[in-house]
Amino acid sequence: MSRMNLEDVRVWDPILEKGVKGGVMIQTLAGTMALDRDSPHICAIDPGGATRVVTLPTNEKGLWWIIINTADAAEDLTINDPAATTRGTISQNEIAIVVMDGTRSYVGTMTTT
């Protein structure tokens, strides 16, 4: 079987494993934010002038997100699990990758240089 030419291919409204919908969310916060299992996988979030909390949903194997702090100033996003335990913090222009395995939520951060 030959490979299709994948140049400039676009995918609209993909449904991934467990019915989770792919996509991008761009949001400016005025308070805390709670992700749910159906939240888009890529979340570009501006804390909106202050440090804000993003709460993850109940742990479910296979869920994941990329969270980007798009702040225009020194504002942090604190990523908490549903029990309000901090799993990670990202500052302006940093990215967190969140992966759930059914037992734990793993948060890895990437910074700019």
Protein backbone atom coordinates (compact mmCIF):
# COMPACT_ATOMS: atom_id res chain seq x y z
CA MET A 1 0.00 0.00 0.00
CA SER A 2 1.42 3.37 -0.93
CA ARG A 3 1.40 6.35 1.36
CA MET A 4 -0.88 9.27 0.61
CA ASN A 5 0.63 12.69 0.12
CA LEU A 6 0.08 14.32 3.51
CA GLU A 7 1.17 17.81 2.54
CA ASP A 8 -1.37 20.44 3.56
CA VAL A 9 -3.86 17.89 4.84
CA ARG A 10 -6.47 19.22 7.25
CA VAL A 11 -8.53 17.28 9.75
CA TRP A 12 -11.75 18.80 11.07
CA ASP A 13 -13.47 17.73 14.29
CA PRO A 14 -11.54 14.52 14.92
CA ILE A 15 -12.86 12.10 17.52
CA LEU A 16 -10.05 10.32 19.32
CA GLU A 17 -9.97 7.36 21.70
CA LYS A 18 -12.78 7.29 24.28
CA GLY A 19 -14.78 9.81 22.28
CA VAL A 20 -12.54 12.71 23.29
CA LYS A 21 -12.65 15.45 20.70
CA GLY A 22 -9.38 16.88 19.40
CA GLY A 23 -8.95 20.57 18.77
CA VAL A 24 -7.68 23.85 20.17
CA MET A 25 -9.23 26.06 22.85
CA ILE A 26 -8.12 29.68 23.21
CA GLN A 27 -9.33 31.22 26.46
CA THR A 28 -8.72 34.27 28.66
CA LEU A 29 -9.60 33.54 32.28
CA ALA A 30 -11.36 35.74 34.82
CA GLY A 31 -11.18 33.06 37.53
CA THR A 32 -10.41 29.39 37.94
CA MET A 33 -11.01 26.96 35.11
CA ALA A 34 -11.97 23.28 35.19
CA LEU A 35 -11.10 21.02 32.28
CA ASP A 36 -13.38 18.09 31.61
CA ARG A 37 -12.74 14.88 29.68
CA ASP A 38 -14.20 16.49 26.55
CA SER A 39 -12.03 19.61 26.63
CA PRO A 40 -9.90 20.11 23.50
CA HIS A 41 -6.42 18.60 23.73
CA ILE A 42 -4.59 21.86 23.11
CA CYS A 43 -5.48 24.69 25.51
CA ALA A 44 -3.95 28.13 24.95
CA ILE A 45 -4.82 29.96 28.17
CA ASP A 46 -4.21 33.57 29.17
CA PRO A 47 -4.52 33.86 32.98
CA GLY A 48 -6.12 37.29 32.52
CA GLY A 49 -4.02 39.45 34.82
CA ALA A 50 -3.43 37.16 37.81
CA THR A 51 -2.25 33.70 38.76
CA ARG A 52 -5.09 31.27 38.00
CA VAL A 53 -5.86 27.62 38.73
CA VAL A 54 -6.70 25.06 36.06
CA THR A 55 -8.32 21.96 37.59
CA LEU A 56 -8.01 18.62 35.83
CA PRO A 57 -10.92 16.17 35.58
CA THR A 58 -11.09 12.85 37.39
CA ASN A 59 -8.19 10.68 36.33
CA GLU A 60 -9.00 8.47 33.35
CA LYS A 61 -6.51 6.35 31.45
CA GLY A 62 -5.57 7.84 28.10
CA LEU A 63 -6.60 11.46 28.66
CA TRP A 64 -4.03 14.14 27.80
CA TRP A 65 -3.66 17.88 27.19
CA ILE A 66 -1.09 20.41 26.13
CA ILE A 67 -1.61 23.58 28.16
CA ILE A 68 0.06 26.80 27.00
CA ASN A 69 0.35 29.89 29.19
CA THR A 70 -0.19 32.78 26.75
CA ALA A 71 0.02 35.53 29.39
CA ASP A 72 1.18 39.00 28.34
CA ALA A 73 2.88 39.53 31.73
CA ALA A 74 4.29 37.51 34.65
CA GLU A 75 1.15 35.46 35.41
CA ASP A 76 1.21 31.76 36.33
CA LEU A 77 -1.18 28.88 35.69
CA THR A 78 -1.31 26.34 38.51
CA ILE A 79 -2.50 22.91 37.38
CA ASN A 80 -4.37 21.03 40.10
CA ASP A 81 -5.98 17.61 40.29
CA PRO A 82 -9.62 17.35 41.46
CA ALA A 83 -8.45 17.06 45.09
CA ALA A 84 -6.79 20.52 44.76
CA THR A 85 -3.27 19.04 44.86
CA THR A 86 -0.90 21.05 42.68
CA ARG A 87 0.48 18.88 39.86
CA GLY A 88 2.47 21.66 38.16
CA THR A 89 2.82 25.39 37.54
CA ILE A 90 3.62 27.12 34.27
CA SER A 91 4.69 30.72 33.87
CA GLN A 92 4.28 33.11 30.95
CA ASN A 93 5.21 31.46 27.60
CA GLU A 94 5.64 28.00 29.14
CA ILE A 95 3.89 24.78 28.17
CA ALA A 96 2.71 21.79 30.22
CA ILE A 97 1.96 18.33 28.92
CA VAL A 98 -0.60 16.50 31.06
CA VAL A 99 -1.03 12.72 30.74
CA MET A 100 -3.33 10.50 32.78
CA ASP A 101 -2.82 6.78 33.29
CA GLY A 102 -5.97 5.95 35.26
CA THR A 103 -4.17 6.30 38.59
CA ARG A 104 -2.01 9.41 38.37
CA SER A 105 -1.83 12.66 36.45
CA TYR A 106 1.62 13.45 35.12
CA VAL A 107 2.50 17.06 34.34
CA GLY A 108 5.70 17.88 32.53
CA THR A 109 6.64 21.49 31.82
CA MET A 110 8.67 23.01 29.03
CA THR A 111 10.18 26.47 29.29
CA THR A 112 11.46 29.02 26.83
CA THR A 113 15.05 30.22 26.83
